[in-house]
Amino acid sequence: MSETERERLEREYVAAGHDLSLLEAALRMTPDERVRAHEQAIATAQTVREAVEEYRALVRKPDPPLERKGS
């Protein structure tokens, strides 16, 4: 790939809203470092998922029973 083609692709990538610094940082990592980062991201997502479930369980209260008139 020529330098001008690479530059054009980089401009398109950035114009589409992508962050080249994230890609570059990932490419500097070893495969083992990438796996560890991925595992950490999964663990964080699971922690957030559990916290959301706990919160929803706390705020989910049953509706009070309806009172019947004349009973």
PDB file of N, CA and C in Angstrom:
ATOM      1  N   MET A   1       0.855  -1.173   0.000  1.00  0.00           N
ATOM      2  CA  MET A   1       0.000   0.000   0.000  1.00  0.00           C
ATOM      3  C   MET A   1       0.898   1.233   0.000  1.00  0.00           C
ATOM      4  N   SER A   2       0.598   2.153  -0.880  1.00  0.00           N
ATOM      5  CA  SER A   2       1.415   3.365  -0.967  1.00  0.00           C
ATOM      6  C   SER A   2       1.127   4.278   0.225  1.00  0.00           C
ATOM      7  N   GLU A   3       2.051   5.180   0.473  1.00  0.00           N
ATOM      8  CA  GLU A   3       1.896   6.122   1.590  1.00  0.00           C
ATOM      9  C   GLU A   3       0.655   6.991   1.402  1.00  0.00           C
ATOM     10  N   THR A   4       0.417   7.429   0.191  1.00  0.00           N
ATOM     11  CA  THR A   4      -0.754   8.287  -0.035  1.00  0.00           C
ATOM     12  C   THR A   4      -2.053   7.506   0.181  1.00  0.00           C
ATOM     13  N   GLU A   5      -2.070   6.225  -0.203  1.00  0.00           N
ATOM     14  CA  GLU A   5      -3.251   5.382   0.038  1.00  0.00           C
ATOM     15  C   GLU A   5      -3.476   5.203   1.536  1.00  0.00           C
ATOM     16  N   ARG A   6      -2.386   4.976   2.275  1.00  0.00           N
ATOM     17  CA  ARG A   6      -2.490   4.825   3.730  1.00  0.00           C
ATOM     18  C   ARG A   6      -3.014   6.112   4.360  1.00  0.00           C
ATOM     19  N   GLU A   7      -2.493   7.237   3.925  1.00  0.00           N
ATOM     20  CA  GLU A   7      -2.944   8.528   4.460  1.00  0.00           C
ATOM     21  C   GLU A   7      -4.422   8.753   4.162  1.00  0.00           C
ATOM     22  N   ARG A   8      -4.860   8.411   2.962  1.00  0.00           N
ATOM     23  CA  ARG A   8      -6.261   8.566   2.595  1.00  0.00           C
ATOM     24  C   ARG A   8      -7.150   7.690   3.483  1.00  0.00           C
ATOM     25  N   LEU A   9      -6.725   6.448   3.691  1.00  0.00           N
ATOM     26  CA  LEU A   9      -7.504   5.545   4.538  1.00  0.00           C
ATOM     27  C   LEU A   9      -7.566   6.042   5.977  1.00  0.00           C
ATOM     28  N   GLU A  10      -6.443   6.576   6.472  1.00  0.00           N
ATOM     29  CA  GLU A  10      -6.426   7.135   7.829  1.00  0.00           C
ATOM     30  C   GLU A  10      -7.404   8.310   7.940  1.00  0.00           C
ATOM     31  N   ARG A  11      -7.411   9.192   6.942  1.00  0.00           N
ATOM     32  CA  ARG A  11      -8.331  10.332   6.965  1.00  0.00           C
ATOM     33  C   ARG A  11      -9.784   9.856   6.977  1.00  0.00           C
ATOM     34  N   GLU A  12     -10.094   8.855   6.154  1.00  0.00           N
ATOM     35  CA  GLU A  12     -11.457   8.317   6.107  1.00  0.00           C
ATOM     36  C   GLU A  12     -11.832   7.688   7.452  1.00  0.00           C
ATOM     37  N   TYR A  13     -10.898   6.975   8.039  1.00  0.00           N
ATOM     38  CA  TYR A  13     -11.122   6.318   9.321  1.00  0.00           C
ATOM     39  C   TYR A  13     -11.441   7.348  10.398  1.00  0.00           C
ATOM     40  N   VAL A  14     -10.630   8.399  10.447  1.00  0.00           N
ATOM     41  CA  VAL A  14     -10.833   9.457  11.440  1.00  0.00           C
ATOM     42  C   VAL A  14     -12.123  10.223  11.149  1.00  0.00           C
ATOM     43  N   ALA A  15     -12.397  10.504   9.882  1.00  0.00           N
ATOM     44  CA  ALA A  15     -13.620  11.217   9.508  1.00  0.00           C
ATOM     45  C   ALA A  15     -14.871  10.424   9.893  1.00  0.00           C
ATOM     46  N   ALA A  16     -14.755   9.103   9.927  1.00  0.00           N
ATOM     47  CA  ALA A  16     -15.888   8.255  10.309  1.00  0.00           C
ATOM     48  C   ALA A  16     -16.052   8.200  11.821  1.00  0.00           C
ATOM     49  N   GLY A  17     -15.179   8.892  12.550  1.00  0.00           N
ATOM     50  CA  GLY A  17     -15.320   8.966  14.004  1.00  0.00           C
ATOM     51  C   GLY A  17     -14.502   7.948  14.775  1.00  0.00           C
ATOM     52  N   HIS A  18     -13.578   7.278  14.117  1.00  0.00           N
ATOM     53  CA  HIS A  18     -12.754   6.285  14.803  1.00  0.00           C
ATOM     54  C   HIS A  18     -11.531   6.950  15.420  1.00  0.00           C
ATOM     55  N   ASP A  19     -11.061   6.390  16.528  1.00  0.00           N
ATOM     56  CA  ASP A  19      -9.915   6.929  17.248  1.00  0.00           C
ATOM     57  C   ASP A  19      -8.685   6.080  16.923  1.00  0.00           C
ATOM     58  N   LEU A  20      -7.817   6.618  16.110  1.00  0.00           N
ATOM     59  CA  LEU A  20      -6.616   5.885  15.717  1.00  0.00           C
ATOM     60  C   LEU A  20      -5.702   5.592  16.898  1.00  0.00           C
ATOM     61  N   SER A  21      -5.720   6.435  17.923  1.00  0.00           N
ATOM     62  CA  SER A  21      -4.823   6.212  19.054  1.00  0.00           C
ATOM     63  C   SER A  21      -5.180   4.913  19.773  1.00  0.00           C
ATOM     64  N   LEU A  22      -6.468   4.552  19.806  1.00  0.00           N
ATOM     65  CA  LEU A  22      -6.856   3.292  20.443  1.00  0.00           C
ATOM     66  C   LEU A  22      -6.334   2.101  19.656  1.00  0.00           C
ATOM     67  N   LEU A  23      -6.434   2.189  18.348  1.00  0.00           N
ATOM     68  CA  LEU A  23      -5.915   1.115  17.490  1.00  0.00           C
ATOM     69  C   LEU A  23      -4.406   1.003  17.638  1.00  0.00           C
ATOM     70  N   GLU A  24      -3.730   2.139  17.618  1.00  0.00           N
ATOM     71  CA  GLU A  24      -2.277   2.129  17.749  1.00  0.00           C
ATOM     72  C   GLU A  24      -1.846   1.566  19.092  1.00  0.00           C
ATOM     73  N   ALA A  25      -2.555   1.929  20.160  1.00  0.00           N
ATOM     74  CA  ALA A  25      -2.222   1.405  21.487  1.00  0.00           C
ATOM     75  C   ALA A  25      -2.417  -0.101  21.541  1.00  0.00           C
ATOM     76  N   ALA A  26      -3.480  -0.592  20.947  1.00  0.00           N
ATOM     77  CA  ALA A  26      -3.729  -2.032  20.938  1.00  0.00           C
ATOM     78  C   ALA A  26      -2.645  -2.768  20.156  1.00  0.00           C
ATOM     79  N   LEU A  27      -2.189  -2.178  19.072  1.00  0.00           N
ATOM     80  CA  LEU A  27      -1.160  -2.824  18.257  1.00  0.00           C
ATOM     81  C   LEU A  27       0.209  -2.830  18.938  1.00  0.00           C
ATOM     82  N   ARG A  28       0.410  -1.921  19.900  1.00  0.00           N
ATOM     83  CA  ARG A  28       1.662  -1.924  20.656  1.00  0.00           C
ATOM     84  C   ARG A  28       1.675  -3.021  21.731  1.00  0.00           C
ATOM     85  N   MET A  29       0.486  -3.528  22.071  1.00  0.00           N
ATOM     86  CA  MET A  29       0.386  -4.553  23.106  1.00  0.00           C
ATOM     87  C   MET A  29       0.770  -5.919  22.537  1.00  0.00           C
ATOM     88  N   THR A  30       1.297  -6.764  23.425  1.00  0.00           N
ATOM     89  CA  THR A  30       1.562  -8.143  23.020  1.00  0.00           C
ATOM     90  C   THR A  30       0.225  -8.888  22.995  1.00  0.00           C
ATOM     91  N   PRO A  31       0.175 -10.034  22.337  1.00  0.00           N
ATOM     92  CA  PRO A  31      -1.070 -10.814  22.369  1.00  0.00           C
ATOM     93  C   PRO A  31      -1.517 -11.145  23.794  1.00  0.00           C
ATOM     94  N   ASP A  32      -0.569 -11.487  24.679  1.00  0.00           N
ATOM     95  CA  ASP A  32      -0.934 -11.777  26.071  1.00  0.00           C
ATOM     96  C   ASP A  32      -1.523 -10.549  26.764  1.00  0.00           C
ATOM     97  N   GLU A  33      -0.951  -9.384  26.495  1.00  0.00           N
ATOM     98  CA  GLU A  33      -1.492  -8.154  27.087  1.00  0.00           C
ATOM     99  C   GLU A  33      -2.905  -7.881  26.573  1.00  0.00           C
ATOM    100  N   ARG A  34      -3.139  -8.135  25.302  1.00  0.00           N
ATOM    101  CA  ARG A  34      -4.480  -7.940  24.743  1.00  0.00           C
ATOM    102  C   ARG A  34      -5.487  -8.891  25.378  1.00  0.00           C
ATOM    103  N   VAL A  35      -5.065 -10.140  25.592  1.00  0.00           N
ATOM    104  CA  VAL A  35      -5.959 -11.111  26.234  1.00  0.00           C
ATOM    105  C   VAL A  35      -6.288 -10.657  27.655  1.00  0.00           C
ATOM    106  N   ARG A  36      -5.275 -10.214  28.408  1.00  0.00           N
ATOM    107  CA  ARG A  36      -5.523  -9.743  29.780  1.00  0.00           C
ATOM    108  C   ARG A  36      -6.447  -8.523  29.788  1.00  0.00           C
ATOM    109  N   ALA A  37      -6.260  -7.619  28.857  1.00  0.00           N
ATOM    110  CA  ALA A  37      -7.128  -6.440  28.773  1.00  0.00           C
ATOM    111  C   ALA A  37      -8.561  -6.858  28.447  1.00  0.00           C
ATOM    112  N   HIS A  38      -8.701  -7.818  27.562  1.00  0.00           N
ATOM    113  CA  HIS A  38     -10.026  -8.314  27.197  1.00  0.00           C
ATOM    114  C   HIS A  38     -10.690  -8.985  28.392  1.00  0.00           C
ATOM    115  N   GLU A  39      -9.938  -9.799  29.123  1.00  0.00           N
ATOM    116  CA  GLU A  39     -10.489 -10.459  30.310  1.00  0.00           C
ATOM    117  C   GLU A  39     -10.914  -9.437  31.360  1.00  0.00           C
ATOM    118  N   GLN A  40     -10.129  -8.376  31.518  1.00  0.00           N
ATOM    119  CA  GLN A  40     -10.481  -7.317  32.477  1.00  0.00           C
ATOM    120  C   GLN A  40     -11.759  -6.605  32.038  1.00  0.00           C
ATOM    121  N   ALA A  41     -11.891  -6.373  30.750  1.00  0.00           N
ATOM    122  CA  ALA A  41     -13.110  -5.723  30.242  1.00  0.00           C
ATOM    123  C   ALA A  41     -14.334  -6.601  30.485  1.00  0.00           C
ATOM    124  N   ILE A  42     -14.180  -7.900  30.288  1.00  0.00           N
ATOM    125  CA  ILE A  42     -15.288  -8.822  30.530  1.00  0.00           C
ATOM    126  C   ILE A  42     -15.663  -8.814  32.017  1.00  0.00           C
ATOM    127  N   ALA A  43     -14.658  -8.846  32.894  1.00  0.00           N
ATOM    128  CA  ALA A  43     -14.919  -8.832  34.335  1.00  0.00           C
ATOM    129  C   ALA A  43     -15.621  -7.540  34.744  1.00  0.00           C
ATOM    130  N   THR A  44     -15.193  -6.420  34.174  1.00  0.00           N
ATOM    131  CA  THR A  44     -15.838  -5.140  34.484  1.00  0.00           C
ATOM    132  C   THR A  44     -17.278  -5.136  34.006  1.00  0.00           C
ATOM    133  N   ALA A  45     -17.524  -5.629  32.810  1.00  0.00           N
ATOM    134  CA  ALA A  45     -18.892  -5.685  32.282  1.00  0.00           C
ATOM    135  C   ALA A  45     -19.768  -6.565  33.162  1.00  0.00           C
ATOM    136  N   GLN A  46     -19.235  -7.681  33.639  1.00  0.00           N
ATOM    137  CA  GLN A  46     -20.004  -8.567  34.511  1.00  0.00           C
ATOM    138  C   GLN A  46     -20.319  -7.876  35.839  1.00  0.00           C
ATOM    139  N   THR A  47     -19.365  -7.144  36.388  1.00  0.00           N
ATOM    140  CA  THR A  47     -19.596  -6.412  37.634  1.00  0.00           C
ATOM    141  C   THR A  47     -20.700  -5.375  37.447  1.00  0.00           C
ATOM    142  N   VAL A  48     -20.662  -4.657  36.344  1.00  0.00           N
ATOM    143  CA  VAL A  48     -21.701  -3.659  36.064  1.00  0.00           C
ATOM    144  C   VAL A  48     -23.047  -4.342  35.882  1.00  0.00           C
ATOM    145  N   ARG A  49     -23.076  -5.443  35.156  1.00  0.00           N
ATOM    146  CA  ARG A  49     -24.328  -6.188  34.938  1.00  0.00           C
ATOM    147  C   ARG A  49     -24.936  -6.626  36.272  1.00  0.00           C
ATOM    148  N   GLU A  50     -24.111  -7.158  37.169  1.00  0.00           N
ATOM    149  CA  GLU A  50     -24.595  -7.589  38.476  1.00  0.00           C
ATOM    150  C   GLU A  50     -25.107  -6.416  39.302  1.00  0.00           C
ATOM    151  N   ALA A  51     -24.407  -5.285  39.236  1.00  0.00           N
ATOM    152  CA  ALA A  51     -24.847  -4.098  39.982  1.00  0.00           C
ATOM    153  C   ALA A  51     -26.196  -3.606  39.463  1.00  0.00           C
ATOM    154  N   VAL A  52     -26.386  -3.629  38.171  1.00  0.00           N
ATOM    155  CA  VAL A  52     -27.661  -3.205  37.587  1.00  0.00           C
ATOM    156  C   VAL A  52     -28.775  -4.146  38.036  1.00  0.00           C
ATOM    157  N   GLU A  53     -28.504  -5.447  38.021  1.00  0.00           N
ATOM    158  CA  GLU A  53     -29.514  -6.408  38.459  1.00  0.00           C
ATOM    159  C   GLU A  53     -29.878  -6.198  39.929  1.00  0.00           C
ATOM    160  N   GLU A  54     -28.876  -5.933  40.780  1.00  0.00           N
ATOM    161  CA  GLU A  54     -29.138  -5.667  42.199  1.00  0.00           C
ATOM    162  C   GLU A  54     -29.980  -4.399  42.362  1.00  0.00           C
ATOM    163  N   TYR A  55     -29.633  -3.357  41.620  1.00  0.00           N
ATOM    164  CA  TYR A  55     -30.383  -2.107  41.692  1.00  0.00           C
ATOM    165  C   TYR A  55     -31.829  -2.333  41.267  1.00  0.00           C
ATOM    166  N   ARG A  56     -32.019  -3.019  40.167  1.00  0.00           N
ATOM    167  CA  ARG A  56     -33.379  -3.274  39.689  1.00  0.00           C
ATOM    168  C   ARG A  56     -34.185  -4.086  40.700  1.00  0.00           C
ATOM    169  N   ALA A  57     -33.541  -5.024  41.366  1.00  0.00           N
ATOM    170  CA  ALA A  57     -34.240  -5.820  42.377  1.00  0.00           C
ATOM    171  C   ALA A  57     -34.652  -4.941  43.553  1.00  0.00           C
ATOM    172  N   LEU A  58     -33.840  -3.954  43.882  1.00  0.00           N
ATOM    173  CA  LEU A  58     -34.161  -3.063  45.003  1.00  0.00           C
ATOM    174  C   LEU A  58     -35.311  -2.115  44.676  1.00  0.00           C
ATOM    175  N   VAL A  59     -35.345  -1.609  43.469  1.00  0.00           N
ATOM    176  CA  VAL A  59     -36.370  -0.631  43.110  1.00  0.00           C
ATOM    177  C   VAL A  59     -37.652  -1.279  42.619  1.00  0.00           C
ATOM    178  N   ARG A  60     -37.609  -2.554  42.344  1.00  0.00           N
ATOM    179  CA  ARG A  60     -38.791  -3.264  41.864  1.00  0.00           C
ATOM    180  C   ARG A  60     -39.628  -3.660  43.071  1.00  0.00           C
ATOM    181  N   LYS A  61     -40.658  -2.905  43.337  1.00  0.00           N
ATOM    182  CA  LYS A  61     -41.525  -3.188  44.467  1.00  0.00           C
ATOM    183  C   LYS A  61     -42.887  -3.589  43.933  1.00  0.00           C
ATOM    184  N   PRO A  62     -43.510  -4.580  44.554  1.00  0.00           N
ATOM    185  CA  PRO A  62     -44.827  -4.981  44.071  1.00  0.00           C
ATOM    186  C   PRO A  62     -45.847  -3.876  44.306  1.00  0.00           C
ATOM    187  N   ASP A  63     -46.832  -3.825  43.440  1.00  0.00           N
ATOM    188  CA  ASP A  63     -47.911  -2.856  43.609  1.00  0.00           C
ATOM    189  C   ASP A  63     -48.685  -3.206  44.871  1.00  0.00           C
ATOM    190  N   PRO A  64     -49.123  -2.187  45.606  1.00  0.00           N
ATOM    191  CA  PRO A  64     -49.910  -2.483  46.803  1.00  0.00           C
ATOM    192  C   PRO A  64     -51.245  -3.094  46.393  1.00  0.00           C
ATOM    193  N   PRO A  65     -51.829  -3.933  47.249  1.00  0.00           N
ATOM    194  CA  PRO A  65     -53.121  -4.542  46.899  1.00  0.00           C
ATOM    195  C   PRO A  65     -54.197  -3.488  46.795  1.00  0.00           C
ATOM    196  N   LEU A  66     -55.128  -3.706  45.894  1.00  0.00           N
ATOM    197  CA  LEU A  66     -56.237  -2.781  45.730  1.00  0.00           C
ATOM    198  C   LEU A  66     -57.211  -2.924  46.881  1.00  0.00           C
ATOM    199  N   GLU A  67     -57.680  -1.813  47.363  1.00  0.00           N
ATOM    200  CA  GLU A  67     -58.681  -1.864  48.438  1.00  0.00           C
ATOM    201  C   GLU A  67     -60.046  -1.927  47.801  1.00  0.00           C
ATOM    202  N   ARG A  68     -60.866  -2.780  48.347  1.00  0.00           N
ATOM    203  CA  ARG A  68     -62.235  -2.907  47.834  1.00  0.00           C
ATOM    204  C   ARG A  68     -63.167  -2.068  48.699  1.00  0.00           C
ATOM    205  N   LYS A  69     -63.989  -1.314  48.043  1.00  0.00           N
ATOM    206  CA  LYS A  69     -64.958  -0.491  48.766  1.00  0.00           C
ATOM    207  C   LYS A  69     -66.120  -1.380  49.190  1.00  0.00           C
ATOM    208  N   GLY A  70     -66.602  -1.165  50.411  1.00  0.00           N
ATOM    209  CA  GLY A  70     -67.742  -1.896  50.897  1.00  0.00           C
ATOM    210  C   GLY A  70     -67.394  -3.258  51.442  1.00  0.00           C
ATOM    211  N   SER A  71     -66.144  -3.551  51.578  1.00  0.00           N
ATOM    212  CA  SER A  71     -65.777  -4.861  52.134  1.00  0.00           C
ATOM    213  C   SER A  71     -65.478  -4.768  53.588  1.00  0.00           C
TER     214      SER A  71
END
